[in-house]
C-alpha atoms as a PDB file:
ATOM      1  CA  MET A   1     -19.476  23.601  -7.383  1.00  0.00           C
ATOM      2  CA  ASP A   2     -21.951  23.222  -4.535  1.00  0.00           C
ATOM      3  CA  ILE A   3     -20.330  24.411  -1.312  1.00  0.00           C
ATOM      4  CA  ASP A   4     -21.650  25.404   2.094  1.00  0.00           C
ATOM      5  CA  GLN A   5     -21.566  29.195   2.456  1.00  0.00           C
ATOM      6  CA  ASN A   6     -19.759  28.979   5.805  1.00  0.00           C
ATOM      7  CA  VAL A   7     -17.022  26.807   4.300  1.00  0.00           C
ATOM      8  CA  LEU A   8     -16.790  29.161   1.336  1.00  0.00           C
ATOM      9  CA  GLN A   9     -16.441  32.206   3.570  1.00  0.00           C
ATOM     10  CA  ASP A  10     -13.851  30.472   5.758  1.00  0.00           C
ATOM     11  CA  LEU A  11     -11.756  29.568   2.710  1.00  0.00           C
ATOM     12  CA  LEU A  12     -12.052  33.051   1.229  1.00  0.00           C
ATOM     13  CA  ASN A  13     -10.828  34.528   4.521  1.00  0.00           C
ATOM     14  CA  SER A  14      -8.080  32.032   5.300  1.00  0.00           C
ATOM     15  CA  ASN A  15      -6.739  30.788   1.965  1.00  0.00           C
ATOM     16  CA  PRO A  16      -5.237  33.427  -0.371  1.00  0.00           C
ATOM     17  CA  ARG A  17      -4.905  30.918  -3.233  1.00  0.00           C
ATOM     18  CA  PHE A  18      -8.580  29.958  -2.975  1.00  0.00           C
ATOM     19  CA  ARG A  19      -9.589  33.639  -2.854  1.00  0.00           C
ATOM     20  CA  MET A  20      -7.537  34.384  -5.986  1.00  0.00           C
ATOM     21  CA  LEU A  21      -9.046  31.401  -7.838  1.00  0.00           C
ATOM     22  CA  TYR A  22     -12.551  32.426  -6.767  1.00  0.00           C
ATOM     23  CA  GLU A  23     -12.042  35.993  -8.005  1.00  0.00           C
ATOM     24  CA  GLU A  24     -10.542  34.759 -11.295  1.00  0.00           C
ATOM     25  CA  HIS A  25     -13.500  32.420 -11.750  1.00  0.00           C
ATOM     26  CA  SER A  26     -15.891  35.363 -11.410  1.00  0.00           C
ATOM     27  CA  LEU A  27     -13.883  37.414 -13.916  1.00  0.00           C
ATOM     28  CA  PHE A  28     -13.893  34.526 -16.387  1.00  0.00           C
ATOM     29  CA  GLU A  29     -17.683  34.198 -16.035  1.00  0.00           C
ATOM     30  CA  LYS A  30     -18.097  37.913 -16.765  1.00  0.00           C
ATOM     31  CA  ARG A  31     -15.808  37.694 -19.787  1.00  0.00           C
ATOM     32  CA  LEU A  32     -17.716  34.728 -21.189  1.00  0.00           C
ATOM     33  CA  ALA A  33     -21.009  36.577 -20.638  1.00  0.00           C
ATOM     34  CA  GLU A  34     -19.638  39.469 -22.706  1.00  0.00           C
ATOM     35  CA  PHE A  35     -18.879  37.097 -25.566  1.00  0.00           C
ATOM     36  CA  GLU A  36     -22.354  35.549 -25.318  1.00  0.00           C
ATOM     37  CA  LYS A  37     -23.920  38.989 -25.809  1.00  0.00           C
ATOM     38  CA  LYS A  38     -22.212  39.390 -29.163  1.00  0.00           C
ATOM     39  CA  GLY A  39     -24.029  38.172 -32.215  1.00  0.00           C
ATOM     40  CA  PHE A  40     -20.839  37.225 -34.015  1.00  0.00           C
ATOM     41  CA  LEU A  41     -17.380  36.301 -32.802  1.00  0.00           C
ATOM     42  CA  SER A  42     -14.231  36.768 -34.813  1.00  0.00           C
ATOM     43  CA  PRO A  43     -11.905  33.769 -35.109  1.00  0.00           C
ATOM     44  CA  GLN A  44      -9.625  35.395 -32.535  1.00  0.00           C
ATOM     45  CA  GLU A  45     -12.545  35.845 -30.127  1.00  0.00           C
ATOM     46  CA  GLU A  46     -13.588  32.213 -30.624  1.00  0.00           C
ATOM     47  CA  VAL A  47     -10.073  31.129 -29.626  1.00  0.00           C
ATOM     48  CA  GLU A  48     -10.245  33.415 -26.597  1.00  0.00           C
ATOM     49  CA  VAL A  49     -13.586  31.881 -25.555  1.00  0.00           C
ATOM     50  CA  VAL A  50     -12.043  28.406 -25.631  1.00  0.00           C
ATOM     51  CA  THR A  51      -9.000  29.612 -23.693  1.00  0.00           C
ATOM     52  CA  VAL A  52     -11.098  31.355 -21.037  1.00  0.00           C
ATOM     53  CA  LYS A  53     -13.311  28.266 -20.636  1.00  0.00           C
ATOM     54  CA  LYS A  54     -10.240  26.067 -20.121  1.00  0.00           C
ATOM     55  CA  MET A  55      -8.752  28.456 -17.561  1.00  0.00           C
ATOM     56  CA  LYS A  56     -12.103  28.713 -15.762  1.00  0.00           C
ATOM     57  CA  LEU A  57     -12.391  24.922 -15.584  1.00  0.00           C
ATOM     58  CA  ALA A  58      -8.813  24.496 -14.361  1.00  0.00           C
ATOM     59  CA  GLY A  59      -9.448  27.040 -11.602  1.00  0.00           C
ATOM     60  CA  LYS A  60     -12.696  25.353 -10.626  1.00  0.00           C
ATOM     61  CA  ASP A  61     -10.935  21.991 -10.412  1.00  0.00           C
ATOM     62  CA  GLU A  62      -8.269  23.459  -8.130  1.00  0.00           C
ATOM     63  CA  MET A  63     -10.910  25.140  -5.939  1.00  0.00           C
ATOM     64  CA  GLU A  64     -12.702  21.799  -5.592  1.00  0.00           C
ATOM     65  CA  ARG A  65      -9.426  20.146  -4.517  1.00  0.00           C
ATOM     66  CA  ILE A  66      -8.913  22.858  -1.894  1.00  0.00           C
ATOM     67  CA  VAL A  67     -12.479  22.425  -0.611  1.00  0.00           C
ATOM     68  CA  ALA A  68     -12.015  18.652  -0.433  1.00  0.00           C
ATOM     69  CA  SER A  69      -8.744  18.965   1.485  1.00  0.00           C
ATOM     70  CA  ALA A  70     -10.313  21.507   3.858  1.00  0.00           C
ATOM     71  CA  GLY A  71     -13.015  18.981   4.708  1.00  0.00           C
ATOM     72  CA  ASN A  72     -10.438  16.410   5.818  1.00  0.00           C
END
Protein backbone atom coordinates (compact mmCIF):
# COMPACT_ATOMS: atom_id res chain seq x y z
CA MET A 1 0.00 0.00 0.00
CA ASP A 2 1.58 3.24 -1.18
CA ILE A 3 0.10 6.13 0.79
CA ASP A 4 1.13 9.73 1.37
CA GLN A 5 2.59 10.10 4.87
CA ASN A 6 0.34 13.08 5.64
CA VAL A 7 -2.77 11.09 4.71
CA LEU A 8 -1.50 8.15 6.74
CA GLN A 9 -0.90 10.32 9.80
CA ASP A 10 -4.30 11.99 9.45
CA LEU A 11 -6.05 8.61 9.29
CA LEU A 12 -4.07 7.24 12.23
CA ASN A 13 -5.09 10.27 14.30
CA SER A 14 -8.72 10.53 13.22
CA ASN A 15 -9.89 7.00 12.43
CA PRO A 16 -9.73 4.46 15.29
CA ARG A 17 -10.61 1.56 12.96
CA PHE A 18 -7.78 2.46 10.58
CA ARG A 19 -5.35 2.79 13.51
CA MET A 20 -6.35 -0.65 14.83
CA LEU A 21 -5.96 -2.23 11.38
CA TYR A 22 -2.57 -0.55 10.92
CA GLU A 23 -1.32 -1.82 14.29
CA GLU A 24 -2.64 -5.34 13.57
CA HIS A 25 -0.91 -5.28 10.19
CA SER A 26 2.41 -4.50 11.89
CA LEU A 27 1.89 -7.30 14.42
CA PHE A 28 1.09 -9.76 11.63
CA GLU A 29 4.28 -8.74 9.78
CA LYS A 30 6.33 -9.35 12.93
CA ARG A 31 4.69 -12.73 13.48
CA LEU A 32 5.38 -13.80 9.91
CA ALA A 33 9.01 -12.66 10.25
CA GLU A 34 9.34 -14.91 13.31
CA PHE A 35 8.13 -17.88 11.28
CA GLU A 36 10.54 -17.03 8.45
CA LYS A 37 13.47 -17.21 10.89
CA LYS A 38 12.67 -20.81 11.74
CA GLY A 39 14.28 -23.50 9.68
CA PHE A 40 11.33 -25.84 10.02
CA LEU A 41 7.66 -25.27 10.70
CA SER A 42 5.37 -27.81 12.29
CA PRO A 43 2.09 -28.54 10.52
CA GLN A 44 0.31 -26.40 13.11
CA GLU A 45 2.71 -23.50 12.47
CA GLU A 46 2.20 -23.84 8.71
CA VAL A 47 -1.56 -23.49 9.25
CA GLU A 48 -0.95 -20.46 11.45
CA VAL A 49 1.22 -18.85 8.74
CA VAL A 50 -1.61 -19.24 6.23
CA THR A 51 -4.13 -17.86 8.71
CA VAL A 52 -1.97 -14.86 9.60
CA LYS A 53 -1.36 -14.10 5.91
CA LYS A 54 -5.11 -14.15 5.22
CA MET A 55 -5.85 -11.88 8.18
CA LYS A 56 -3.05 -9.51 7.14
CA LEU A 57 -4.42 -9.32 3.59
CA ALA A 58 -7.99 -8.75 4.77
CA GLY A 59 -6.81 -5.90 7.00
CA LYS A 60 -4.78 -4.38 4.19
CA ASP A 61 -7.80 -4.51 1.88
CA GLU A 62 -9.94 -2.73 4.47
CA MET A 63 -7.24 -0.09 5.05
CA GLU A 64 -7.10 0.54 1.30
CA ARG A 65 -10.89 1.00 1.23
CA ILE A 66 -10.64 3.52 4.08
CA VAL A 67 -7.86 5.41 2.29
CA ALA A 68 -9.88 5.47 -0.93
CA SER A 69 -12.99 6.78 0.84
CA ALA A 70 -10.91 9.42 2.65
CA GLY A 71 -9.70 10.71 -0.71
CA ASN A 72 -13.26 11.32 -1.89
